[in-house]
Amino acid sequence: MSVEAAWQRYLDDCEQMRQVFLRDPIIEKYPLLKANAHFLLQQTQAMAYNLVMAPLQDSPRFTSHNFFAPLLYTAHQPNPDFAYQIAFVNGTRRWRITGKRNTARWIDIQSLRGWWGEHDFGGLENYDLDKDFKIERDGSFEIIASADPAPGNWIRLDKSNPNNTLQVRPAMYDWETEVPPELHIEPLDDAPPTRVVHDEAEIVRRLQLCGEMIKHCIGRWTTKASPKLVKMAGMNQFVTFKGDPARGGANPLAQYGQAPYELAHDEALIIETEDPDAPYWGISLGTWWWETVDPTHHQSSINGHQAVLDSDGKFRFVLTRNDPGVPNWLDPVGWDVGILLLRWYRATKEQRISTKKVPVRELRNHLPSDTPVVTPAQRKKEIERRRRAVMRWYGY
């Protein structure tokens, strides 16, 4: 296939996905989603360049800006508590990863074969940095990544695919004090890089894969997941399941709770769950098409460190358009319809989630009588601390 033909095929893939968005009947009820569809499509195209076209698997590095970045890359509802880092490596070679653990609450490293849209994409292994690897007293570590087993700290790669993904999920619980890990990667062999500049054949191959990633993200995930959840449980009701690496690289150590919500301006949705007794857990909001709602300037997410436990031992979150003055408020940032997503990692028990929709004016009648009042001044300070913390992670 020529570059011209590959480019046209890529454009056709993008237009096909644009039409998938525009055929969604929900945009008739919520016209803002029509504009949002074009925003999300172009964002996914930009991510396809970052994650498919650009990587040089023989010269990898861990990046924290190409996968999720506040107000820039939010598609596919990444976790606002995770200071993600990602690297793409040649699975036929041996690599040394060095770094410092620092103070993130919990750090998961996942190795995957390929990336979204590749025909053989799938998870290889998940590693808990603290439990599965030796870390020196000063927080430093060294890990070998290779297809063949290595003594000591080792991450499994797949030599059948020259594109292996290393995805790091550092969970940031105390946003203001915790520091993400420092990671570096270098080759252990003397083999010269197999690819320094993409030739025409490689551009053609990667253009096709860019189109496949966009079709995977939009055609099989973004536009399908919310209607599927509605069909399974209805609006404002949760579906829970264990993580499956084949589902977009989901973590097998995680339990997920997902619910499509729809809320009028005078309504409040109360989400109730028990203490999961987990190293990490959190709840976050997404748009109908699974974009993480801005967690930097809005309280659109709450984790186990930030959440306030009620006197009866339960957590209650309140979703309303306007601030109701309660601790665990979730701000939808203007969206009347969207996604609620709960994540628990290594929870000691299966979680059950209940929801109740009530009039905003009656909200406190449905909460414990000792639920604190959060003043506008207090909320303003909370949001300012969030903004500074997230910007610090990404060096802004």
Protein backbone atom coordinates (compact mmCIF):
# COMPACT_ATOMS: atom_id res chain seq x y z
CA MET A 1 0.00 0.00 0.00
CA SER A 2 1.28 3.47 -0.85
CA VAL A 3 1.53 6.29 1.69
CA GLU A 4 -1.23 8.12 -0.20
CA ALA A 5 -3.54 5.12 0.03
CA ALA A 6 -2.70 4.56 3.71
CA TRP A 7 -3.33 8.22 4.49
CA GLN A 8 -6.72 8.12 2.76
CA ARG A 9 -7.62 4.95 4.64
CA TYR A 10 -6.69 6.66 7.90
CA LEU A 11 -8.89 9.66 7.03
CA ASP A 12 -11.71 7.28 6.13
CA ASP A 13 -11.34 5.58 9.53
CA CYS A 14 -11.58 8.96 11.27
CA GLU A 15 -14.66 9.96 9.29
CA GLN A 16 -16.27 6.60 10.01
CA MET A 17 -15.78 7.21 13.75
CA ARG A 18 -17.12 10.75 13.46
CA GLN A 19 -20.29 9.36 11.95
CA VAL A 20 -20.51 6.79 14.76
CA PHE A 21 -20.56 9.69 17.22
CA LEU A 22 -23.12 11.64 15.25
CA ARG A 23 -25.49 8.67 14.95
CA ASP A 24 -25.71 8.34 18.72
CA PRO A 25 -29.31 9.31 19.58
CA ILE A 26 -28.22 10.92 22.85
CA ILE A 27 -26.96 14.02 21.04
CA GLU A 28 -30.58 14.91 20.17
CA LYS A 29 -31.30 15.23 23.90
CA TYR A 30 -27.94 16.78 24.80
CA PRO A 31 -26.70 18.85 21.82
CA LEU A 32 -23.45 19.78 23.59
CA LEU A 33 -22.34 16.20 23.00
CA LYS A 34 -22.31 16.86 19.25
CA ALA A 35 -19.60 19.47 19.64
CA ASN A 36 -17.87 17.26 22.20
CA ALA A 37 -17.72 14.43 19.66
CA HIS A 38 -15.45 16.47 17.39
CA PHE A 39 -13.29 17.49 20.34
CA LEU A 40 -12.91 13.89 21.45
CA LEU A 41 -12.21 12.58 17.95
CA GLN A 42 -9.36 15.01 17.43
CA GLN A 43 -8.02 14.29 20.91
CA THR A 44 -7.94 10.57 20.10
CA GLN A 45 -6.11 11.35 16.86
CA ALA A 46 -3.49 13.28 18.82
CA MET A 47 -3.13 10.38 21.23
CA ALA A 48 -2.73 7.98 18.30
CA TYR A 49 0.24 10.03 17.13
CA ASN A 50 1.76 10.02 20.64
CA LEU A 51 1.15 6.35 21.33
CA VAL A 52 1.37 4.68 17.91
CA MET A 53 3.07 6.82 15.28
CA ALA A 54 5.77 8.51 17.37
CA PRO A 55 7.32 5.86 19.68
CA LEU A 56 10.79 4.53 18.86
CA GLN A 57 10.77 1.16 20.60
CA ASP A 58 14.58 0.93 20.47
CA SER A 59 14.96 4.32 22.15
CA PRO A 60 12.22 4.29 24.79
CA ARG A 61 11.60 6.60 27.70
CA PHE A 62 8.94 6.83 30.35
CA THR A 63 6.66 9.76 29.62
CA SER A 64 3.99 11.27 31.84
CA HIS A 65 2.47 13.68 29.33
CA ASN A 66 1.40 11.61 26.31
CA PHE A 67 -1.27 9.42 27.88
CA PHE A 68 -3.08 11.55 30.48
CA ALA A 69 -2.46 15.23 31.18
CA PRO A 70 -4.82 17.67 32.90
CA LEU A 71 -7.06 19.56 30.46
CA LEU A 72 -5.15 18.08 27.50
CA TYR A 73 -5.50 14.28 27.31
CA THR A 74 -8.55 13.03 29.19
CA ALA A 75 -10.04 10.50 26.74
CA HIS A 76 -10.83 6.93 27.85
CA GLN A 77 -11.38 8.08 31.44
CA PRO A 78 -7.92 7.69 32.97
CA ASN A 79 -7.79 7.82 36.76
CA PRO A 80 -7.19 11.35 38.07
CA ASP A 81 -5.33 9.86 41.07
CA PHE A 82 -2.77 8.10 38.86
CA ALA A 83 0.36 9.96 37.75
CA TYR A 84 0.62 7.61 34.75
CA GLN A 85 3.93 6.89 33.07
CA ILE A 86 4.23 4.84 29.90
CA ALA A 87 7.02 3.47 27.70
CA PHE A 88 7.03 1.42 24.49
CA VAL A 89 9.90 -1.06 24.14
CA ASN A 90 11.18 -3.62 21.67
CA GLY A 91 10.26 -6.98 23.17
CA THR A 92 13.17 -8.76 21.49
CA ARG A 93 15.74 -6.80 23.51
CA ARG A 94 16.76 -6.64 27.19
CA TRP A 95 16.22 -3.46 29.18
CA ARG A 96 17.29 -2.10 32.54
CA ILE A 97 14.84 0.11 34.45
CA THR A 98 16.21 2.17 37.29
CA GLY A 99 14.61 4.76 39.49
CA LYS A 100 13.45 5.98 42.87
CA ARG A 101 10.22 4.84 44.46
CA ASN A 102 9.48 8.16 46.16
CA THR A 103 6.22 8.44 48.10
CA ALA A 104 3.24 7.51 45.93
CA ARG A 105 0.64 5.51 47.85
CA TRP A 106 0.89 2.44 45.64
CA ILE A 107 2.66 1.69 42.35
CA ASP A 108 1.56 -0.86 39.77
CA ILE A 109 3.59 -1.74 36.68
CA GLN A 110 1.83 -3.56 33.85
CA SER A 111 3.49 -5.13 30.83
CA LEU A 112 1.39 -5.57 27.72
CA ARG A 113 1.83 -7.08 24.29
CA GLY A 114 1.23 -4.33 21.75
CA TRP A 115 -1.18 -1.45 22.19
CA TRP A 116 -4.84 -0.57 21.61
CA GLY A 117 -6.01 -1.71 18.21
CA GLU A 118 -3.24 -4.23 17.52
CA HIS A 119 -4.67 -7.66 16.71
CA ASP A 120 -2.69 -9.46 19.44
CA PHE A 121 -2.97 -6.76 22.11
CA GLY A 122 -3.19 -8.16 25.62
CA GLY A 123 -1.82 -8.07 29.15
CA LEU A 124 1.29 -10.01 30.12
CA GLU A 125 1.81 -9.38 33.84
CA ASN A 126 1.07 -6.90 36.61
CA TYR A 127 3.63 -6.10 39.29
CA ASP A 128 3.26 -4.36 42.64
CA LEU A 129 6.50 -2.41 43.01
CA ASP A 130 6.57 -2.91 46.79
CA LYS A 131 5.53 -6.56 46.93
CA ASP A 132 7.10 -8.04 43.81
CA PHE A 133 10.46 -6.25 43.66
CA LYS A 134 13.36 -5.57 45.99
CA ILE A 135 13.73 -1.87 46.74
CA GLU A 136 16.84 -0.52 48.41
CA ARG A 137 16.67 1.37 51.70
CA ASP A 138 17.13 4.69 49.90
CA GLY A 139 14.13 3.92 47.66
CA SER A 140 16.19 3.08 44.58
CA PHE A 141 15.56 -0.01 42.47
CA GLU A 142 16.76 -1.81 39.36
CA ILE A 143 14.51 -4.04 37.23
CA ILE A 144 15.31 -6.10 34.15
CA ALA A 145 12.65 -6.22 31.43
CA SER A 146 13.11 -9.02 28.91
CA ALA A 147 11.38 -11.96 27.25
CA ASP A 148 13.66 -14.48 28.97
CA PRO A 149 13.57 -14.70 32.78
CA ALA A 150 16.27 -12.82 34.68
CA PRO A 151 17.37 -13.24 38.32
CA GLY A 152 16.12 -10.72 40.82
CA ASN A 153 13.68 -8.01 39.79
CA TRP A 154 12.24 -8.97 36.40
CA ILE A 155 9.39 -7.82 34.12
CA ARG A 156 8.20 -10.18 31.41
CA LEU A 157 8.15 -9.02 27.79
CA ASP A 158 6.92 -10.81 24.67
CA LYS A 159 9.62 -11.27 22.03
CA SER A 160 6.99 -12.03 19.35
CA ASN A 161 5.98 -8.36 19.27
CA PRO A 162 8.53 -5.56 18.72
CA ASN A 163 6.09 -3.22 20.50
CA ASN A 164 5.67 -4.00 24.20
CA THR A 165 4.01 -1.51 26.53
CA LEU A 166 5.14 -0.75 30.07
CA GLN A 167 2.38 1.16 31.83
CA VAL A 168 3.02 2.49 35.34
CA ARG A 169 0.14 3.48 37.62
CA PRO A 170 1.41 5.43 40.65
CA ALA A 171 -1.59 6.05 42.92
CA MET A 172 -1.44 9.51 44.50
CA TYR A 173 -3.55 9.51 47.66
CA ASP A 174 -2.37 12.58 49.52
CA TRP A 175 -2.15 14.88 46.54
CA GLU A 176 -0.30 17.65 48.35
CA THR A 177 2.62 15.65 49.73
CA GLU A 178 3.15 12.47 47.71
CA VAL A 179 5.73 12.33 44.90
CA PRO A 180 5.45 10.07 41.81
CA PRO A 181 8.26 7.57 41.16
CA GLU A 182 11.27 8.41 39.04
CA LEU A 183 11.87 5.94 36.19
CA HIS A 184 14.61 5.56 33.58
CA ILE A 185 15.17 2.85 30.97
CA GLU A 186 18.23 1.82 28.94
CA PRO A 187 19.21 -1.17 26.75
CA LEU A 188 21.37 -3.96 28.19
CA ASP A 189 22.56 -5.30 24.83
CA ASP A 190 24.95 -3.81 22.28
CA ALA A 191 22.56 -4.27 19.36
CA PRO A 192 22.08 -1.11 17.32
CA PRO A 193 18.53 0.26 17.14
CA THR A 194 16.54 -1.46 14.42
CA ARG A 195 14.71 1.77 13.67
CA VAL A 196 15.85 5.37 14.12
CA VAL A 197 13.67 7.05 11.48
CA HIS A 198 10.41 5.68 10.08
CA ASP A 199 10.74 4.82 6.41
CA GLU A 200 7.77 4.84 4.04
CA ALA A 201 6.78 1.24 4.73
CA GLU A 202 6.79 1.91 8.47
CA ILE A 203 4.73 5.08 8.03
CA VAL A 204 2.17 3.04 6.11
CA ARG A 205 2.11 0.35 8.82
CA ARG A 206 1.73 2.86 11.62
CA LEU A 207 -0.93 4.89 9.81
CA GLN A 208 -2.98 1.71 9.62
CA LEU A 209 -2.39 1.08 13.33
CA CYS A 210 -3.37 4.68 14.15
CA GLY A 211 -6.67 4.07 12.39
CA GLU A 212 -7.09 0.79 14.26
CA MET A 213 -6.44 2.48 17.60
CA ILE A 214 -9.03 5.18 16.85
CA LYS A 215 -11.58 2.56 15.81
CA HIS A 216 -10.80 0.53 18.92
CA CYS A 217 -11.16 3.51 21.26
CA ILE A 218 -14.24 5.08 19.68
CA GLY A 219 -15.99 2.29 17.80
CA ARG A 220 -15.56 -0.46 20.37
CA TRP A 221 -15.28 1.46 23.63
CA THR A 222 -16.15 5.15 23.86
CA THR A 223 -19.50 4.98 22.07
CA LYS A 224 -20.46 1.46 23.14
CA ALA A 225 -19.75 1.33 26.88
CA SER A 226 -22.38 3.76 28.20
CA PRO A 227 -25.36 2.32 26.24
CA LYS A 228 -24.22 -1.17 27.28
CA LEU A 229 -24.27 -0.16 30.96
CA VAL A 230 -27.73 1.38 30.55
CA LYS A 231 -28.95 -1.87 29.02
CA MET A 232 -27.41 -3.91 31.83
CA ALA A 233 -28.59 -1.91 34.86
CA GLY A 234 -30.33 1.30 33.80
CA MET A 235 -29.41 4.90 34.50
CA ASN A 236 -27.87 5.79 37.87
CA GLN A 237 -27.17 2.15 38.72
CA PHE A 238 -23.75 0.51 39.07
CA VAL A 239 -22.34 -2.55 37.35
CA THR A 240 -19.29 -4.08 39.08
CA PHE A 241 -16.66 -6.38 37.60
CA LYS A 242 -13.07 -7.51 37.97
CA GLY A 243 -10.35 -6.02 35.79
CA ASP A 244 -9.51 -7.80 32.54
CA PRO A 245 -6.30 -6.76 30.68
CA ALA A 246 -8.03 -7.46 27.36
CA ARG A 247 -10.51 -4.66 28.14
CA GLY A 248 -8.31 -1.70 27.22
CA GLY A 249 -5.48 -2.80 29.50
CA ALA A 250 -7.63 -2.88 32.65
CA ASN A 251 -5.82 -4.04 35.76
CA PRO A 252 -6.59 -7.60 36.94
CA LEU A 253 -5.88 -6.50 40.52
CA ALA A 254 -8.75 -4.03 40.37
CA GLN A 255 -12.46 -4.15 40.93
CA TYR A 256 -14.49 -1.58 39.00
CA GLY A 257 -17.90 -0.06 39.54
CA GLN A 258 -19.40 1.83 36.59
CA ALA A 259 -22.68 3.71 36.30
CA PRO A 260 -24.13 6.03 33.65
CA TYR A 261 -25.81 8.95 35.38
CA GLU A 262 -28.49 11.41 34.28
CA LEU A 263 -29.39 14.27 36.57
CA ALA A 264 -31.74 17.26 36.43
CA HIS A 265 -30.59 20.58 37.85
CA ASP A 266 -32.80 20.22 40.92
CA GLU A 267 -31.78 16.61 41.67
CA ALA A 268 -29.04 15.02 43.74
CA LEU A 269 -27.68 11.49 43.38
CA ILE A 270 -26.39 9.87 46.58
CA ILE A 271 -23.84 7.08 46.04
CA GLU A 272 -23.29 4.85 49.07
CA THR A 273 -20.56 2.25 49.61
CA GLU A 274 -18.69 0.58 52.45
CA ASP A 275 -15.06 1.01 53.43
CA PRO A 276 -13.30 -1.36 50.98
CA ASP A 277 -10.16 -1.77 53.14
CA ALA A 278 -7.97 -1.39 50.05
CA PRO A 279 -4.47 0.05 49.50
CA TYR A 280 -6.10 2.38 46.99
CA TRP A 281 -9.64 3.27 45.99
CA GLY A 282 -11.32 6.27 44.43
CA ILE A 283 -14.38 7.54 42.56
CA SER A 284 -14.26 9.85 39.56
CA LEU A 285 -16.56 11.39 36.97
CA GLY A 286 -16.43 11.10 33.22
CA THR A 287 -18.46 12.43 30.33
CA TRP A 288 -20.96 10.23 28.50
CA TRP A 289 -18.13 9.38 26.11
CA TRP A 290 -15.63 8.55 28.84
CA GLU A 291 -13.46 11.61 29.18
CA THR A 292 -12.18 12.29 32.69
CA VAL A 293 -13.94 15.42 33.93
CA ASP A 294 -11.41 18.07 34.95
CA PRO A 295 -10.09 17.07 38.40
CA THR A 296 -7.70 20.00 38.60
CA HIS A 297 -10.06 22.95 39.02
CA HIS A 298 -13.11 20.97 40.18
CA GLN A 299 -13.86 18.32 42.78
CA SER A 300 -14.83 15.75 40.17
CA SER A 301 -13.01 12.91 41.93
CA ILE A 302 -12.47 11.74 45.51
CA ASN A 303 -10.11 9.02 46.74
CA GLY A 304 -9.86 7.09 50.00
CA HIS A 305 -7.57 9.68 51.56
CA GLN A 306 -9.78 12.62 50.62
CA ALA A 307 -13.17 11.06 51.39
CA VAL A 308 -14.98 11.73 54.66
CA LEU A 309 -16.34 8.62 56.37
CA ASP A 310 -19.83 8.96 57.86
CA SER A 311 -20.47 8.12 61.50
CA ASP A 312 -22.19 4.85 60.56
CA GLY A 313 -19.05 3.58 58.81
CA LYS A 314 -20.17 4.20 55.24
CA PHE A 315 -19.02 6.55 52.50
CA ARG A 316 -21.66 8.68 50.82
CA PHE A 317 -20.90 10.76 47.75
CA VAL A 318 -23.27 13.42 46.48
CA LEU A 319 -23.52 14.31 42.79
CA THR A 320 -25.24 17.65 42.10
CA ARG A 321 -24.86 20.41 39.56
CA ASN A 322 -24.24 23.02 42.29
CA ASP A 323 -22.23 22.70 45.49
CA PRO A 324 -24.56 21.39 48.24
CA GLY A 325 -22.07 22.16 51.01
CA VAL A 326 -21.32 18.55 52.00
CA PRO A 327 -17.85 16.91 52.25
CA ASN A 328 -18.02 14.26 49.52
CA TRP A 329 -19.49 16.40 46.75
CA LEU A 330 -18.83 15.35 43.15
CA ASP A 331 -18.90 18.22 40.65
CA PRO A 332 -20.07 17.16 37.15
CA VAL A 333 -18.75 20.44 35.73
CA GLY A 334 -21.95 21.21 33.86
CA TRP A 335 -22.69 17.76 32.42
CA ASP A 336 -26.26 16.49 32.95
CA VAL A 337 -25.27 13.02 31.78
CA GLY A 338 -22.04 11.09 32.20
CA ILE A 339 -20.20 8.23 33.89
CA LEU A 340 -19.45 7.43 37.52
CA LEU A 341 -16.42 5.19 37.93
CA LEU A 342 -15.23 3.54 41.14
CA ARG A 343 -11.91 1.70 41.33
CA TRP A 344 -10.68 -0.53 44.16
CA TYR A 345 -7.25 -2.19 44.13
CA ARG A 346 -6.69 -5.29 46.25
CA ALA A 347 -9.91 -4.70 48.20
CA THR A 348 -10.42 -7.27 50.95
CA LYS A 349 -14.10 -7.73 50.16
CA GLU A 350 -16.51 -7.47 47.25
CA GLN A 351 -18.03 -4.02 47.11
CA ARG A 352 -21.71 -3.20 46.85
CA ILE A 353 -22.87 0.22 45.74
CA SER A 354 -26.32 1.70 46.20
CA THR A 355 -27.70 4.90 44.69
CA LYS A 356 -30.62 7.15 45.51
CA LYS A 357 -31.89 10.15 43.54
CA VAL A 358 -33.53 12.86 45.67
CA PRO A 359 -34.54 16.50 45.29
CA VAL A 360 -31.64 18.81 46.14
CA ARG A 361 -33.79 20.71 48.62
CA GLU A 362 -34.32 17.47 50.59
CA LEU A 363 -30.72 16.23 50.37
CA ARG A 364 -29.81 16.55 54.05
CA ASN A 365 -32.89 14.55 55.02
CA HIS A 366 -31.24 11.57 53.33
CA LEU A 367 -27.79 12.00 54.89
CA PRO A 368 -26.68 11.30 58.48
CA SER A 369 -27.74 14.14 60.77
CA ASP A 370 -24.13 14.85 61.73
CA THR A 371 -22.96 15.36 58.11
CA PRO A 372 -20.66 18.42 58.28
CA VAL A 373 -21.27 21.67 56.43
CA VAL A 374 -18.62 22.74 53.94
CA THR A 375 -18.67 26.50 53.41
CA PRO A 376 -17.93 28.18 50.06
CA ALA A 377 -14.68 29.53 51.52
CA GLN A 378 -13.61 26.04 52.60
CA ARG A 379 -14.45 24.60 49.17
CA LYS A 380 -12.47 27.32 47.45
CA LYS A 381 -9.39 26.43 49.49
CA GLU A 382 -9.86 22.71 48.72
CA ILE A 383 -10.00 23.39 44.99
CA GLU A 384 -6.92 25.60 45.12
CA ARG A 385 -4.97 22.84 46.86
CA ARG A 386 -6.09 20.34 44.21
CA ARG A 387 -4.95 22.62 41.41
CA ARG A 388 -1.51 23.16 42.87
CA ALA A 389 -1.02 19.47 43.63
CA VAL A 390 -1.90 18.19 40.15
CA MET A 391 0.13 20.86 38.41
CA ARG A 392 3.12 19.87 40.56
CA TRP A 393 2.92 16.23 39.38
CA TYR A 394 3.18 17.27 35.75
CA GLY A 395 5.74 20.02 36.21
CA TYR A 396 3.40 22.85 35.24
